[in-house]
N, C-alpha and C. Protein backbone atom coordinates (compact mmCIF):
# COMPACT_ATOMS: atom_id res chain seq x y z
N MET A 1 0.53 -1.35 -0.23
CA MET A 1 -0.26 0.02 0.00
C MET A 1 1.04 1.36 0.06
N LYS A 2 2.00 1.34 0.85
CA LYS A 2 2.77 2.30 0.96
C LYS A 2 3.55 2.58 -0.47
N THR A 3 3.83 1.71 -0.94
CA THR A 3 4.59 1.58 -2.30
C THR A 3 4.00 2.51 -3.75
N SER A 4 2.44 2.07 -3.51
CA SER A 4 1.54 2.26 -4.07
C SER A 4 1.16 4.00 -4.18
N ILE A 5 1.46 4.26 -2.93
CA ILE A 5 1.14 5.73 -2.44
C ILE A 5 2.20 6.72 -3.21
N LEU A 6 3.15 5.89 -2.75
CA LEU A 6 4.77 6.70 -3.09
C LEU A 6 4.79 7.03 -4.73
N PHE A 7 4.19 6.04 -5.20
CA PHE A 7 4.49 5.60 -7.03
C PHE A 7 3.20 6.79 -7.59
N LEU A 8 2.27 7.03 -6.59
CA LEU A 8 1.03 7.85 -7.22
C LEU A 8 1.51 9.59 -6.93
N LEU A 9 2.36 9.89 -6.11
CA LEU A 9 3.06 11.04 -5.56
C LEU A 9 4.03 11.18 -6.46
N LEU A 10 4.81 10.26 -6.77
CA LEU A 10 6.04 10.46 -7.86
C LEU A 10 5.18 10.79 -9.09
N ALA A 11 4.31 10.24 -9.69
CA ALA A 11 3.62 10.03 -10.97
C ALA A 11 3.26 11.33 -10.71
N ALA A 12 2.22 12.02 -10.23
CA ALA A 12 1.43 13.67 -9.92
C ALA A 12 2.89 14.19 -10.10
N ALA A 13 3.95 14.48 -9.11
CA ALA A 13 5.14 15.12 -9.55
C ALA A 13 5.57 15.57 -10.79
N PHE A 14 5.69 14.40 -11.55
CA PHE A 14 6.13 14.48 -12.86
C PHE A 14 5.22 14.98 -13.93
N CYS A 15 3.79 14.44 -13.60
CA CYS A 15 3.12 15.47 -14.45
C CYS A 15 2.70 16.68 -14.37
N VAL A 16 3.08 17.11 -13.06
CA VAL A 16 3.15 18.61 -12.65
C VAL A 16 4.50 19.44 -13.59
N ASN A 17 5.67 18.54 -13.18
CA ASN A 17 6.50 19.11 -13.81
C ASN A 17 6.67 19.23 -15.81
N ALA A 18 6.40 18.04 -16.08
CA ALA A 18 6.39 17.97 -17.23
C ALA A 18 5.06 18.83 -18.06
N GLN A 19 3.92 19.38 -17.34
CA GLN A 19 3.19 20.15 -17.77
C GLN A 19 3.81 21.84 -17.48
N ASP A 20 4.73 21.75 -16.57
CA ASP A 20 5.38 23.22 -16.89
C ASP A 20 6.40 23.34 -17.87
N LYS A 21 7.29 22.22 -18.35
CA LYS A 21 8.10 22.22 -19.44
C LYS A 21 7.22 22.30 -20.78
N LYS A 22 5.82 22.04 -20.73
CA LYS A 22 5.20 22.37 -21.83
C LYS A 22 4.89 23.98 -22.13
N ALA A 23 4.44 24.35 -21.29
CA ALA A 23 4.01 25.73 -21.48
C ALA A 23 5.28 26.96 -21.29
N ASN A 24 6.31 26.15 -20.64
CA ASN A 24 7.49 27.25 -20.42
C ASN A 24 8.85 26.88 -21.21
N ASN A 25 9.46 27.79 -22.15
CA ASN A 25 10.72 27.35 -22.72
C ASN A 25 12.05 27.49 -21.60
N ILE A 26 12.12 26.38 -20.70
CA ILE A 26 12.86 26.13 -19.97
C ILE A 26 13.84 25.35 -19.87
N ASP A 27 15.12 25.01 -19.33
CA ASP A 27 15.94 24.10 -19.68
C ASP A 27 15.84 23.22 -18.25
N ASN A 28 16.50 22.14 -18.17
CA ASN A 28 16.64 21.32 -17.25
C ASN A 28 16.71 21.42 -15.83
N SER A 29 17.16 22.59 -15.58
CA SER A 29 16.89 22.94 -14.07
C SER A 29 15.59 24.12 -13.91
N ASN A 30 14.68 24.52 -14.93
CA ASN A 30 13.66 25.02 -14.45
C ASN A 30 13.92 26.28 -14.63
N ILE A 31 14.99 26.99 -15.53
CA ILE A 31 15.78 28.35 -16.01
C ILE A 31 14.70 29.03 -16.96
N ALA A 32 14.56 29.78 -16.75
CA ALA A 32 13.32 30.42 -18.03
C ALA A 32 14.33 31.48 -18.67
N LEU A 33 14.34 31.72 -19.66
CA LEU A 33 14.76 32.76 -20.65
C LEU A 33 16.35 32.39 -20.86
N GLN A 34 16.82 31.38 -20.57
CA GLN A 34 18.07 31.25 -20.89
C GLN A 34 19.32 32.18 -19.90
N GLY A 35 18.57 32.31 -18.47
CA GLY A 35 19.09 33.23 -17.72
C GLY A 35 19.25 34.35 -17.75
N PHE A 36 18.57 34.86 -18.39
CA PHE A 36 18.24 36.00 -18.97
C PHE A 36 17.42 36.82 -18.10
N SER A 37 17.52 38.35 -18.05
CA SER A 37 16.22 39.28 -16.98
C SER A 37 15.49 39.32 -17.68
N PRO A 38 14.09 39.21 -17.03
CA PRO A 38 12.79 39.48 -17.91
C PRO A 38 12.76 41.31 -17.33
N VAL A 39 13.15 41.46 -16.44
CA VAL A 39 13.20 42.93 -15.83
C VAL A 39 13.57 43.73 -16.74
N SER A 40 14.84 43.34 -17.51
CA SER A 40 15.77 43.99 -18.30
C SER A 40 15.08 44.28 -19.61
N TYR A 41 14.29 43.15 -20.19
CA TYR A 41 13.61 43.00 -21.22
C TYR A 41 12.80 44.38 -21.59
N LEU A 42 12.24 44.45 -20.20
CA LEU A 42 10.42 44.88 -20.24
C LEU A 42 10.85 46.52 -19.86
N ASP A 43 11.87 46.53 -18.57
CA ASP A 43 12.00 48.07 -18.28
C ASP A 43 12.89 48.76 -18.81
N LEU A 44 13.95 48.26 -19.30
CA LEU A 44 15.23 48.50 -19.99
C LEU A 44 15.06 48.52 -21.59
N GLY A 45 14.42 47.63 -22.15
CA GLY A 45 14.80 47.42 -23.41
C GLY A 45 15.85 46.76 -23.88
N ILE A 46 16.52 45.99 -23.13
CA ILE A 46 17.60 45.40 -23.72
C ILE A 46 18.21 43.78 -23.20
N ALA A 47 18.77 43.36 -23.40
CA ALA A 47 18.76 41.63 -23.00
C ALA A 47 19.73 41.82 -21.93
N GLN A 48 19.83 41.22 -20.91
CA GLN A 48 21.13 41.36 -19.89
C GLN A 48 20.88 39.89 -19.36
N ARG A 49 22.02 39.20 -18.93
CA ARG A 49 22.10 37.99 -18.63
C ARG A 49 21.72 38.32 -16.59
N GLY A 50 21.06 37.38 -16.41
CA GLY A 50 20.66 37.76 -14.87
C GLY A 50 22.44 37.07 -13.92
N LEU A 51 21.98 36.99 -12.57
CA LEU A 51 22.79 36.54 -11.84
C LEU A 51 22.50 35.70 -10.79
N LYS A 52 23.08 34.54 -10.59
CA LYS A 52 22.37 33.13 -9.73
C LYS A 52 22.08 33.85 -8.49
N GLN A 53 22.74 34.91 -7.84
CA GLN A 53 22.48 35.23 -6.26
C GLN A 53 21.26 36.63 -6.55
N PHE A 54 20.57 36.71 -7.57
CA PHE A 54 19.33 37.65 -7.43
C PHE A 54 18.62 36.37 -8.74
N LYS A 55 17.82 35.94 -8.12
CA LYS A 55 16.78 34.54 -8.57
C LYS A 55 15.34 34.64 -7.96
N SER A 56 14.43 34.53 -9.07
CA SER A 56 13.38 34.28 -8.07
C SER A 56 12.59 33.13 -8.45
N GLU A 57 11.40 32.07 -7.93
CA GLU A 57 10.74 31.15 -8.65
C GLU A 57 9.29 31.65 -8.63
N HIS A 58 8.60 31.10 -9.67
CA HIS A 58 7.51 31.62 -9.75
C HIS A 58 6.83 30.81 -10.60
N GLU A 59 5.89 30.10 -10.37
CA GLU A 59 4.90 28.54 -10.56
C GLU A 59 6.19 27.65 -10.68
N LYS A 60 7.34 27.54 -10.33
CA LYS A 60 8.11 26.52 -10.53
C LYS A 60 9.00 26.90 -11.46
N VAL A 61 9.20 28.04 -11.62
CA VAL A 61 10.14 28.49 -13.08
C VAL A 61 10.90 29.23 -12.34
N ILE A 62 12.28 29.28 -12.69
CA ILE A 62 13.30 30.27 -12.06
C ILE A 62 13.69 31.35 -12.83
N TYR A 63 13.58 32.66 -12.53
CA TYR A 63 14.00 33.57 -13.26
C TYR A 63 15.33 34.01 -12.89
N TYR A 64 16.15 34.93 -13.40
CA TYR A 64 17.43 35.90 -12.71
C TYR A 64 17.47 37.02 -13.08
N PHE A 65 17.77 37.46 -12.18
CA PHE A 65 18.00 39.43 -12.51
C PHE A 65 19.06 39.62 -12.42
N THR A 66 19.26 41.24 -13.09
CA THR A 66 20.65 41.80 -12.41
C THR A 66 21.09 42.30 -11.73
N SER A 67 20.07 42.80 -10.50
CA SER A 67 20.07 43.33 -9.11
C SER A 67 19.29 42.65 -8.43
N GLU A 68 19.43 43.26 -7.03
CA GLU A 68 18.16 43.05 -5.85
C GLU A 68 16.68 43.70 -6.34
N ASP A 69 17.17 45.26 -6.75
CA ASP A 69 15.70 45.71 -7.35
C ASP A 69 15.40 45.09 -8.20
N GLN A 70 15.53 44.54 -9.41
CA GLN A 70 15.04 43.91 -10.56
C GLN A 70 14.66 42.64 -9.69
N LYS A 71 14.73 42.18 -8.97
CA LYS A 71 14.36 41.12 -8.58
C LYS A 71 12.95 41.45 -7.62
N ARG A 72 13.25 42.37 -6.57
CA ARG A 72 11.92 42.96 -6.10
C ARG A 72 11.11 43.14 -7.03
N LYS A 73 11.31 44.05 -8.12
CA LYS A 73 10.43 44.10 -9.12
C LYS A 73 9.53 43.07 -9.49
N PHE A 74 10.33 42.46 -10.00
CA PHE A 74 9.35 40.51 -10.27
C PHE A 74 8.69 40.38 -9.85
N ASP A 75 9.19 40.14 -8.04
CA ASP A 75 8.54 39.79 -7.11
C ASP A 75 7.36 40.28 -6.55
N ALA A 76 7.07 41.79 -7.11
CA ALA A 76 6.07 42.36 -6.55
C ALA A 76 5.19 42.19 -8.11
N ASN A 77 5.38 42.09 -9.05
CA ASN A 77 4.34 41.48 -9.93
C ASN A 77 4.91 40.56 -11.20
N PRO A 78 5.20 39.68 -10.74
CA PRO A 78 5.69 38.43 -11.41
C PRO A 78 4.81 38.34 -13.16
N ALA A 79 3.32 38.99 -13.17
CA ALA A 79 2.61 38.42 -14.14
C ALA A 79 3.25 39.74 -15.58
N LYS A 80 3.44 41.03 -14.89
CA LYS A 80 3.85 41.65 -15.89
C LYS A 80 4.99 41.23 -16.16
N TYR A 81 5.79 40.88 -15.97
CA TYR A 81 7.59 40.36 -16.55
C TYR A 81 7.59 39.06 -16.96
N LEU A 82 6.15 38.34 -16.79
CA LEU A 82 6.42 37.15 -17.86
C LEU A 82 6.57 37.04 -19.24
N PRO A 83 7.55 36.32 -19.97
CA PRO A 83 7.45 36.15 -21.34
C PRO A 83 6.24 35.84 -21.94
N GLN A 84 5.94 36.55 -23.10
CA GLN A 84 5.05 36.20 -24.12
C GLN A 84 5.13 34.62 -24.64
N TYR A 85 3.95 33.72 -24.45
CA TYR A 85 4.18 32.57 -25.32
C TYR A 85 5.07 31.30 -24.39
N GLY A 86 5.20 31.52 -23.08
CA GLY A 86 6.38 31.08 -22.13
C GLY A 86 7.74 31.35 -22.46
N GLY A 87 7.65 32.00 -23.38
CA GLY A 87 9.36 32.35 -23.72
C GLY A 87 9.80 31.69 -25.15
N TYR A 88 8.64 31.02 -25.84
CA TYR A 88 9.18 30.41 -26.82
C TYR A 88 9.02 31.61 -28.08
N CYS A 89 9.62 31.53 -29.65
CA CYS A 89 9.78 32.16 -30.66
C CYS A 89 8.03 32.77 -30.73
N ALA A 90 7.98 33.84 -30.61
CA ALA A 90 6.70 34.46 -31.02
C ALA A 90 6.39 34.36 -32.87
N PHE A 91 6.89 34.45 -33.37
CA PHE A 91 6.74 33.96 -34.80
C PHE A 91 6.28 32.46 -34.97
N GLY A 92 7.27 31.58 -33.92
CA GLY A 92 6.61 30.39 -34.20
C GLY A 92 5.45 30.20 -33.72
N VAL A 93 5.31 30.72 -32.77
CA VAL A 93 3.93 30.14 -32.13
C VAL A 93 2.67 31.10 -33.28
N TYR A 94 2.83 32.19 -33.81
CA TYR A 94 2.22 32.94 -34.80
C TYR A 94 1.96 31.53 -36.15
N ALA A 95 2.80 30.98 -36.63
CA ALA A 95 3.04 29.80 -37.36
C ALA A 95 2.34 28.54 -36.97
N GLY A 96 1.95 28.66 -36.03
CA GLY A 96 1.70 27.15 -34.98
C GLY A 96 2.61 26.14 -34.46
N ALA A 97 3.65 26.57 -34.18
CA ALA A 97 4.77 25.50 -33.89
C ALA A 97 5.79 26.50 -32.49
N LYS A 98 6.59 25.66 -31.69
CA LYS A 98 7.39 26.05 -30.61
C LYS A 98 8.73 26.00 -30.97
N PHE A 99 9.39 26.97 -31.03
CA PHE A 99 10.87 27.09 -31.22
C PHE A 99 11.59 27.71 -29.95
N ARG A 100 12.64 27.10 -29.80
CA ARG A 100 13.55 28.38 -28.62
C ARG A 100 14.05 29.25 -29.37
N PRO A 101 13.76 30.76 -28.59
CA PRO A 101 14.49 31.83 -29.57
C PRO A 101 15.86 31.83 -28.83
N ASP A 102 16.20 33.31 -29.68
CA ASP A 102 17.78 33.32 -29.32
C ASP A 102 17.24 34.73 -28.23
N PRO A 103 17.83 34.70 -26.92
CA PRO A 103 17.51 35.75 -25.92
C PRO A 103 17.73 36.95 -26.26
N ASN A 104 18.78 37.40 -27.74
CA ASN A 104 19.03 38.50 -27.90
C ASN A 104 18.44 39.16 -28.72
N LYS A 105 16.99 38.38 -29.43
CA LYS A 105 16.24 38.86 -30.20
C LYS A 105 14.95 39.07 -29.87
N PHE A 106 14.70 40.37 -29.31
CA PHE A 106 13.21 40.31 -28.79
C PHE A 106 12.84 41.57 -29.23
N ILE A 107 11.31 41.95 -29.24
CA ILE A 107 10.70 43.29 -29.18
C ILE A 107 9.63 43.39 -28.05
N VAL A 108 9.64 44.74 -27.72
CA VAL A 108 8.97 45.17 -26.89
C VAL A 108 7.95 45.93 -27.24
N GLU A 109 6.41 45.54 -27.07
CA GLU A 109 5.46 46.37 -28.02
C GLU A 109 4.28 46.10 -26.64
N ASP A 110 3.57 47.36 -26.24
CA ASP A 110 2.24 47.00 -25.56
C ASP A 110 2.35 46.71 -24.24
N GLY A 111 3.79 46.84 -23.61
CA GLY A 111 4.33 46.42 -22.22
C GLY A 111 4.49 45.24 -22.03
N LYS A 112 4.38 44.54 -23.18
CA LYS A 112 5.00 43.02 -23.15
C LYS A 112 6.19 42.70 -24.12
N TYR A 113 7.05 42.13 -24.00
CA TYR A 113 8.12 41.36 -24.84
C TYR A 113 8.07 40.14 -25.33
N PHE A 114 8.74 40.01 -26.65
CA PHE A 114 8.32 39.05 -27.43
C PHE A 114 9.79 38.51 -27.99
N LEU A 115 10.00 37.48 -27.97
CA LEU A 115 11.43 36.38 -28.45
C LEU A 115 11.24 36.04 -29.62
N TYR A 116 12.47 35.33 -30.31
CA TYR A 116 12.25 35.46 -31.50
C TYR A 116 13.64 34.23 -31.98
N LEU A 117 13.32 33.43 -32.63
CA LEU A 117 14.47 32.59 -33.21
C LEU A 117 15.05 33.37 -34.16
N TYR A 118 16.64 33.01 -34.11
CA TYR A 118 17.55 33.73 -34.73
C TYR A 118 18.84 31.99 -35.29
N ASN A 119 18.93 31.97 -36.51
CA ASN A 119 19.84 31.21 -36.46
C ASN A 119 20.58 31.86 -38.22
N LEU A 120 21.51 30.65 -38.59
CA LEU A 120 21.94 31.30 -40.11
C LEU A 120 20.56 31.23 -41.06
N GLU A 121 20.02 30.40 -40.82
CA GLU A 121 18.81 29.99 -41.95
C GLU A 121 17.73 31.17 -41.31
N LEU A 122 17.67 31.65 -40.42
CA LEU A 122 16.38 32.52 -40.22
C LEU A 122 16.28 33.46 -39.20
N ASP A 123 15.58 34.53 -39.41
CA ASP A 123 15.67 35.90 -38.41
C ASP A 123 14.15 35.95 -38.37
N ALA A 124 13.48 35.34 -37.27
CA ALA A 124 12.22 35.41 -37.29
C ALA A 124 11.66 36.73 -36.62
N GLN A 125 12.33 37.60 -36.05
CA GLN A 125 12.28 38.76 -35.85
C GLN A 125 11.99 39.76 -36.92
N GLN A 126 12.98 39.68 -37.65
CA GLN A 126 13.04 40.38 -39.35
C GLN A 126 11.65 39.71 -39.49
N LEU A 127 11.46 38.43 -39.86
CA LEU A 127 10.19 38.31 -40.56
C LEU A 127 8.81 39.06 -40.23
N TRP A 128 8.80 39.09 -38.48
CA TRP A 128 7.60 39.25 -37.49
C TRP A 128 7.62 40.95 -38.22
N LEU A 129 8.82 41.73 -38.07
CA LEU A 129 8.79 43.03 -38.59
C LEU A 129 7.96 43.39 -40.05
N ALA A 130 8.55 42.29 -41.08
CA ALA A 130 8.18 42.90 -42.42
C ALA A 130 6.61 42.60 -42.32
N GLU A 131 6.06 41.81 -41.37
CA GLU A 131 4.47 41.52 -41.84
C GLU A 131 4.00 43.06 -41.70
N ASN A 132 4.23 43.98 -40.78
CA ASN A 132 4.31 45.29 -40.35
C ASN A 132 2.73 45.24 -39.91
N ASP A 133 2.29 44.38 -38.93
CA ASP A 133 1.05 44.26 -38.74
C ASP A 133 0.86 43.23 -36.79
N HIS A 134 1.90 44.02 -35.94
CA HIS A 134 1.70 43.31 -34.78
C HIS A 134 0.63 43.12 -34.24
N LYS A 135 -0.37 43.76 -34.13
CA LYS A 135 -1.55 43.29 -33.58
C LYS A 135 -2.13 42.19 -34.21
N GLY A 136 -1.99 42.06 -35.47
CA GLY A 136 -2.69 40.82 -36.07
C GLY A 136 -2.11 39.59 -35.73
N LEU A 137 -0.53 39.78 -35.72
CA LEU A 137 0.18 38.78 -35.81
C LEU A 137 0.32 38.25 -34.33
N VAL A 138 -0.02 39.20 -33.38
CA VAL A 138 -0.44 38.71 -31.59
C VAL A 138 -1.75 38.10 -31.85
N LYS A 139 -2.59 38.38 -32.30
CA LYS A 139 -3.99 37.67 -32.35
C LYS A 139 -4.03 36.53 -32.82
N LYS A 140 -3.28 36.05 -33.78
CA LYS A 140 -3.10 34.92 -34.38
C LYS A 140 -2.16 34.26 -33.70
N ALA A 141 -1.37 34.38 -32.73
CA ALA A 141 -0.16 33.82 -31.81
C ALA A 141 -1.09 33.37 -30.65
N ASN A 142 -1.71 34.37 -30.29
CA ASN A 142 -2.52 34.03 -28.83
C ASN A 142 -3.72 33.00 -29.21
N SER A 143 -4.47 32.81 -30.32
CA SER A 143 -5.42 31.88 -30.60
C SER A 143 -3.98 30.60 -30.85
N ASN A 144 -2.97 30.33 -31.27
CA ASN A 144 -2.36 29.39 -31.46
C ASN A 144 -2.12 28.93 -30.07
N TRP A 145 -1.45 30.03 -29.03
CA TRP A 145 -0.79 29.29 -27.86
C TRP A 145 -1.96 28.67 -27.02
N SER A 146 -3.26 28.85 -27.12
CA SER A 146 -4.25 28.63 -26.37
C SER A 146 -3.92 26.87 -26.29
N ASN A 147 -3.70 26.32 -27.77
CA ASN A 147 -3.62 24.85 -28.44
C ASN A 147 -1.82 24.42 -27.95
N LEU A 148 -1.11 25.04 -28.27
CA LEU A 148 0.59 24.71 -28.47
C LEU A 148 0.84 24.76 -27.06
N LYS A 149 0.22 25.75 -25.42
CA LYS A 149 0.96 25.61 -24.27
C LYS A 149 0.68 24.22 -23.61
N GLY A 150 0.02 23.27 -24.35
CA GLY A 150 -0.34 22.06 -23.90
C GLY A 150 0.49 21.00 -24.27
N THR A 151 1.39 21.26 -25.27
CA THR A 151 2.20 20.21 -25.83
C THR A 151 3.54 20.45 -26.05
N TYR A 152 4.33 19.39 -26.40
CA TYR A 152 5.84 19.39 -26.19
C TYR A 152 6.00 20.02 -27.62
N ASN A 153 7.27 20.58 -27.22
CA ASN A 153 7.92 21.15 -28.77
C ASN A 153 8.55 20.06 -29.58
């Protein structure tokens, strides 16, 4: 009986953790944004790698910050600083897929920040900007995200 209960508890913990990885672009240590600060994106409009000594956990996801002040801002209002689409590439979500973005490729618009895939073959940020329809792209991406956030990439 005790073994069965232990198994059920472990299975439940695994399911909760698996769900987090579906909706959030995190590494195996549950670190979001590849260690970049969500406050730097939104408040400063720059990509800055956070430091381990300034970290917070929100809904089992770990975020790093550049200073204690940034950490306090995040802790006071985490929802404000969460990345769109769980930190996946906004253009990918618009197109119906989840891709890991380059943390240096982002856009801040309407009090939110959007991350984009960038590699030798594709600059998703430029594709997004070339459409010249931010609100339309966001509307479609939001619609797609309602289905994608429950899937593995």
